[in-house]
């Protein structure tokens, strides 16, 4: 039952992330961050965390790093924003790398929560800024 729910969340997140990747919400270069910058940074932080937890717990294989790179590329950020987005991904990865060395029940629960939050956030970004 848990695995079916995890799989459903993974499919929803994957479709949300891909929807973001396929829709071009890139803006011309601005001197200030776009309105969705905090949400993008959080999404990339979540993806970084999932990138760490996935091999640890043997969850369905996803190319979270590839998804993150594609999102950043499609957004066409300035060099400063690109570095901050990459930094968010790395922060997410490092946060869980400091806590977990093996897959535990807490790690599995964290993974489910991260997937759910990433799904909600990707849908929110898409609905607010991509259309």
Foldseek 3Di string as FASTA:
>chain_A
DLLVLLVVLQVLLVVLLVLLLVFQLADPADPDDPPCLVLLLQLLLLLLLLVQLCVQAVRPDDPSVVSLVSNLVSNPYDPVSSVSSVVSSVNSNVVVVVPDDHDDPVSSVSNSVSSNVSSVSSVVCCVPRRD
